Each structure stands twice: as C-alpha cells, then as structure tokens.
Amino acid sequence: MAYYLYMTRIMTDLNNCYGFDNTAEAANKTDFDTNYKANCLLVDDLENMETTFTVTLTYAQFKAKIDGTNILWTDVKLEIANNHYDLYLLTNGPV
C-alpha cells in the first residue's frame, strides 16, 4: 500500500536565514501557535517504512487539507527543531 505524506515547514526564527518572507513566516507561526499547535501530536522524528509519496506544501496549502471533518489537527504530527516546525500529515490515499 502506498501512503501520502503531506508536509510543510514554518520558520520560527529567521535570524541568519535567507530566502524567506519574514512577514508571511511570522504570520504563519502566530496562526499555528495560536490556533492549532496544541492539537498536534508532538514527535521527535518521522521515518517512513513503506512506499510513501512525499508532497511538500506551503502552510496555506497544508492548512487547507485539514477539513475538520475527515482530517483533524489531531492527525497532524509536529516536529520542533531549533528554528522551525515541521508539520506532517500521513494518509493512505491522496487528499
């Protein structure tokens, strides 16, 4: 069976980081911290053991996948690094 891993990254500290829209990243971090972070499952690392298609999305695209009915924020895995959050959503079919 193939799985789909949807992922996005939110920068949390833009000091010494280049190529990011600081205003958009700050807004994404504030939105996520305020509204969704508490509902996510915190993980240390995510490793795929089967056939997985990885789909990298913007935060807005990722957020749109969470419909509140079939997919909830409690289905999202959160990995916290030094200067960013990685958000993962693993499904058994395309969303």
N, C-alpha and C. Protein backbone atom coordinates (compact mmCIF):
# COMPACT_ATOMS: atom_id res chain seq x y z
N MET A 1 0.84 -1.17 0.00
CA MET A 1 0.00 0.00 0.00
C MET A 1 0.89 1.24 0.00
N ALA A 2 0.53 2.22 -0.76
CA ALA A 2 1.26 3.49 -0.80
C ALA A 2 0.60 4.50 0.13
N TYR A 3 1.42 5.29 0.77
CA TYR A 3 0.94 6.36 1.65
C TYR A 3 1.35 7.71 1.08
N TYR A 4 0.65 8.73 1.51
CA TYR A 4 0.96 10.10 1.10
C TYR A 4 1.34 10.86 2.36
N LEU A 5 2.50 11.48 2.31
CA LEU A 5 2.98 12.29 3.43
C LEU A 5 2.99 13.74 2.99
N TYR A 6 2.05 14.49 3.50
CA TYR A 6 1.97 15.92 3.22
C TYR A 6 2.77 16.62 4.31
N MET A 7 3.61 17.55 3.90
CA MET A 7 4.43 18.23 4.90
C MET A 7 4.60 19.70 4.55
N THR A 8 4.84 20.47 5.60
CA THR A 8 5.16 21.88 5.44
C THR A 8 6.12 22.28 6.54
N ARG A 9 6.78 23.39 6.34
CA ARG A 9 7.72 23.91 7.33
C ARG A 9 7.33 25.34 7.65
N ILE A 10 7.32 25.64 8.94
CA ILE A 10 7.08 27.01 9.41
C ILE A 10 8.36 27.46 10.11
N MET A 11 8.93 28.53 9.62
CA MET A 11 10.14 29.06 10.25
C MET A 11 9.75 29.77 11.55
N THR A 12 10.48 29.49 12.61
CA THR A 12 10.19 30.10 13.90
C THR A 12 11.22 31.14 14.30
N ASP A 13 12.40 31.08 13.69
CA ASP A 13 13.46 32.04 13.98
C ASP A 13 14.16 32.35 12.66
N LEU A 14 13.97 33.54 12.16
CA LEU A 14 14.53 33.90 10.85
C LEU A 14 15.87 34.61 10.94
N ASN A 15 16.47 34.65 12.12
CA ASN A 15 17.82 35.21 12.24
C ASN A 15 18.78 34.33 11.47
N ASN A 16 19.58 34.93 10.62
CA ASN A 16 20.57 34.22 9.81
C ASN A 16 19.95 33.24 8.81
N CYS A 17 18.69 33.43 8.46
CA CYS A 17 18.04 32.63 7.43
C CYS A 17 17.70 33.54 6.26
N TYR A 18 17.93 33.06 5.07
CA TYR A 18 17.70 33.88 3.89
C TYR A 18 16.76 33.16 2.93
N GLY A 19 16.03 33.94 2.14
CA GLY A 19 15.14 33.36 1.15
C GLY A 19 13.73 33.14 1.65
N PHE A 20 13.39 33.70 2.78
CA PHE A 20 12.05 33.56 3.34
C PHE A 20 11.37 34.92 3.41
N ASP A 21 10.06 34.91 3.30
CA ASP A 21 9.26 36.11 3.50
C ASP A 21 9.01 36.23 5.00
N ASN A 22 9.77 37.09 5.66
CA ASN A 22 9.69 37.20 7.12
C ASN A 22 8.29 37.51 7.61
N THR A 23 7.58 38.39 6.91
CA THR A 23 6.23 38.76 7.33
C THR A 23 5.28 37.57 7.24
N ALA A 24 5.35 36.83 6.14
CA ALA A 24 4.48 35.66 5.97
C ALA A 24 4.82 34.57 6.98
N GLU A 25 6.11 34.33 7.19
CA GLU A 25 6.52 33.30 8.16
C GLU A 25 6.07 33.66 9.57
N ALA A 26 6.19 34.93 9.95
CA ALA A 26 5.74 35.36 11.27
C ALA A 26 4.23 35.18 11.41
N ALA A 27 3.48 35.50 10.36
CA ALA A 27 2.02 35.33 10.39
C ALA A 27 1.66 33.84 10.48
N ASN A 28 2.37 32.98 9.74
CA ASN A 28 2.12 31.54 9.79
C ASN A 28 2.40 30.99 11.19
N LYS A 29 3.51 31.42 11.78
CA LYS A 29 3.86 30.95 13.12
C LYS A 29 2.82 31.39 14.15
N THR A 30 2.41 32.63 14.09
CA THR A 30 1.40 33.14 15.01
C THR A 30 0.09 32.39 14.85
N ASP A 31 -0.36 32.17 13.61
CA ASP A 31 -1.59 31.44 13.34
C ASP A 31 -1.51 30.03 13.88
N PHE A 32 -0.42 29.33 13.59
CA PHE A 32 -0.26 27.95 14.04
C PHE A 32 -0.16 27.87 15.56
N ASP A 33 0.69 28.71 16.16
CA ASP A 33 0.85 28.69 17.62
C ASP A 33 -0.46 28.98 18.34
N THR A 34 -1.22 29.93 17.83
CA THR A 34 -2.45 30.37 18.48
C THR A 34 -3.60 29.37 18.31
N ASN A 35 -3.72 28.80 17.11
CA ASN A 35 -4.92 28.04 16.78
C ASN A 35 -4.78 26.52 16.71
N TYR A 36 -3.59 25.99 16.39
CA TYR A 36 -3.51 24.56 16.06
C TYR A 36 -2.44 23.77 16.79
N LYS A 37 -1.39 24.41 17.23
CA LYS A 37 -0.23 23.71 17.79
C LYS A 37 -0.61 22.77 18.94
N ALA A 38 -1.47 23.21 19.81
CA ALA A 38 -1.85 22.40 20.99
C ALA A 38 -2.55 21.11 20.61
N ASN A 39 -3.13 21.04 19.42
CA ASN A 39 -3.87 19.85 18.99
C ASN A 39 -3.01 18.82 18.27
N CYS A 40 -1.82 19.19 17.87
CA CYS A 40 -0.96 18.29 17.09
C CYS A 40 -0.25 17.29 18.00
N LEU A 41 0.14 16.17 17.40
CA LEU A 41 0.89 15.15 18.11
C LEU A 41 2.38 15.46 17.96
N LEU A 42 3.05 15.70 19.07
CA LEU A 42 4.47 16.02 19.06
C LEU A 42 5.28 14.76 18.84
N VAL A 43 6.18 14.79 17.86
CA VAL A 43 7.06 13.65 17.57
C VAL A 43 8.50 14.13 17.56
N ASP A 44 9.42 13.21 17.81
CA ASP A 44 10.84 13.53 17.77
C ASP A 44 11.41 13.37 16.37
N ASP A 45 10.90 12.40 15.64
CA ASP A 45 11.40 12.11 14.31
C ASP A 45 10.35 11.29 13.58
N LEU A 46 10.32 11.42 12.28
CA LEU A 46 9.37 10.67 11.47
C LEU A 46 10.13 9.93 10.40
N GLU A 47 9.99 8.61 10.38
CA GLU A 47 10.65 7.79 9.37
C GLU A 47 9.59 6.94 8.68
N ASN A 48 9.67 6.88 7.37
CA ASN A 48 8.73 6.08 6.59
C ASN A 48 9.32 4.71 6.33
N MET A 49 8.51 3.70 6.56
CA MET A 49 8.99 2.34 6.40
C MET A 49 8.38 1.64 5.18
N GLU A 50 7.44 2.27 4.53
CA GLU A 50 6.80 1.68 3.36
C GLU A 50 6.83 2.69 2.22
N THR A 51 6.21 2.33 1.13
CA THR A 51 6.16 3.23 -0.02
C THR A 51 5.37 4.48 0.35
N THR A 52 6.03 5.61 0.26
CA THR A 52 5.41 6.87 0.64
C THR A 52 5.72 7.93 -0.40
N PHE A 53 4.69 8.63 -0.83
CA PHE A 53 4.85 9.77 -1.71
C PHE A 53 4.87 11.02 -0.83
N THR A 54 5.94 11.78 -0.89
CA THR A 54 6.06 12.98 -0.08
C THR A 54 5.64 14.18 -0.91
N VAL A 55 4.72 14.97 -0.36
CA VAL A 55 4.20 16.15 -1.03
C VAL A 55 4.50 17.35 -0.13
N THR A 56 5.36 18.24 -0.62
CA THR A 56 5.70 19.44 0.14
C THR A 56 4.76 20.57 -0.25
N LEU A 57 4.16 21.19 0.75
CA LEU A 57 3.16 22.23 0.53
C LEU A 57 3.54 23.51 1.27
N THR A 58 2.93 24.61 0.87
CA THR A 58 3.03 25.82 1.66
C THR A 58 2.16 25.63 2.90
N TYR A 59 2.32 26.49 3.87
CA TYR A 59 1.49 26.40 5.07
C TYR A 59 0.01 26.55 4.72
N ALA A 60 -0.32 27.48 3.84
CA ALA A 60 -1.73 27.68 3.45
C ALA A 60 -2.29 26.44 2.76
N GLN A 61 -1.51 25.81 1.89
CA GLN A 61 -1.97 24.59 1.21
C GLN A 61 -2.14 23.45 2.21
N PHE A 62 -1.20 23.33 3.13
CA PHE A 62 -1.27 22.29 4.16
C PHE A 62 -2.50 22.49 5.03
N LYS A 63 -2.69 23.70 5.47
CA LYS A 63 -3.83 24.04 6.33
C LYS A 63 -5.15 23.72 5.65
N ALA A 64 -5.22 23.90 4.34
CA ALA A 64 -6.45 23.62 3.59
C ALA A 64 -6.78 22.12 3.56
N LYS A 65 -5.78 21.26 3.76
CA LYS A 65 -6.01 19.80 3.79
C LYS A 65 -6.76 19.39 5.06
N ILE A 66 -6.66 20.20 6.11
CA ILE A 66 -7.28 19.88 7.39
C ILE A 66 -8.72 20.39 7.32
N ASP A 67 -9.64 19.52 6.93
CA ASP A 67 -11.02 19.94 6.67
C ASP A 67 -11.90 19.98 7.92
N GLY A 68 -11.42 19.45 9.03
CA GLY A 68 -12.19 19.49 10.27
C GLY A 68 -13.23 18.38 10.38
N THR A 69 -13.40 17.61 9.33
CA THR A 69 -14.35 16.50 9.34
C THR A 69 -13.63 15.17 9.20
N ASN A 70 -12.98 14.98 8.07
CA ASN A 70 -12.25 13.73 7.81
C ASN A 70 -10.82 13.81 8.32
N ILE A 71 -10.25 14.98 8.27
CA ILE A 71 -8.87 15.19 8.73
C ILE A 71 -8.90 16.32 9.76
N LEU A 72 -8.32 16.03 10.92
CA LEU A 72 -8.31 16.97 12.03
C LEU A 72 -6.88 17.38 12.36
N TRP A 73 -6.74 18.45 13.10
CA TRP A 73 -5.40 18.85 13.53
C TRP A 73 -4.79 17.82 14.46
N THR A 74 -5.60 17.00 15.11
CA THR A 74 -5.06 15.93 15.96
C THR A 74 -4.41 14.83 15.12
N ASP A 75 -4.63 14.82 13.80
CA ASP A 75 -3.97 13.88 12.89
C ASP A 75 -2.59 14.37 12.46
N VAL A 76 -2.28 15.61 12.74
CA VAL A 76 -1.02 16.22 12.30
C VAL A 76 0.08 15.91 13.31
N LYS A 77 1.24 15.50 12.77
CA LYS A 77 2.43 15.27 13.59
C LYS A 77 3.29 16.52 13.53
N LEU A 78 3.81 16.94 14.66
CA LEU A 78 4.62 18.15 14.78
C LEU A 78 6.01 17.79 15.27
N GLU A 79 7.00 18.20 14.49
CA GLU A 79 8.40 18.05 14.89
C GLU A 79 8.96 19.46 15.09
N ILE A 80 9.50 19.72 16.29
CA ILE A 80 10.03 21.04 16.61
C ILE A 80 11.54 21.00 16.54
N ALA A 81 12.11 21.86 15.69
CA ALA A 81 13.57 21.96 15.55
C ALA A 81 14.01 23.32 16.10
N ASN A 82 15.29 23.62 15.98
CA ASN A 82 15.84 24.86 16.54
C ASN A 82 15.18 26.11 15.97
N ASN A 83 14.95 26.15 14.66
CA ASN A 83 14.42 27.38 14.07
C ASN A 83 13.21 27.14 13.18
N HIS A 84 12.58 25.98 13.32
CA HIS A 84 11.39 25.73 12.51
C HIS A 84 10.54 24.61 13.10
N TYR A 85 9.29 24.59 12.63
CA TYR A 85 8.37 23.48 12.89
C TYR A 85 8.23 22.72 11.59
N ASP A 86 8.21 21.40 11.64
CA ASP A 86 7.82 20.59 10.50
C ASP A 86 6.49 19.95 10.85
N LEU A 87 5.52 20.12 9.97
CA LEU A 87 4.19 19.54 10.15
C LEU A 87 4.01 18.43 9.14
N TYR A 88 3.47 17.30 9.59
CA TYR A 88 3.28 16.13 8.74
C TYR A 88 1.86 15.60 8.85
N LEU A 89 1.34 15.20 7.72
CA LEU A 89 0.03 14.55 7.67
C LEU A 89 0.20 13.32 6.80
N LEU A 90 0.00 12.15 7.38
CA LEU A 90 0.17 10.88 6.68
C LEU A 90 -1.21 10.29 6.38
N THR A 91 -1.48 10.02 5.10
CA THR A 91 -2.76 9.44 4.70
C THR A 91 -2.52 8.21 3.84
N ASN A 92 -3.54 7.36 3.72
CA ASN A 92 -3.40 6.17 2.89
C ASN A 92 -3.92 6.38 1.48
N GLY A 93 -4.15 7.62 1.10
CA GLY A 93 -4.57 7.97 -0.25
C GLY A 93 -4.43 9.46 -0.44
N PRO A 94 -4.50 9.92 -1.66
CA PRO A 94 -4.37 11.37 -1.89
C PRO A 94 -5.53 12.15 -1.28
N VAL A 95 -5.21 13.33 -0.81
CA VAL A 95 -6.23 14.21 -0.20
C VAL A 95 -6.34 15.44 -1.06
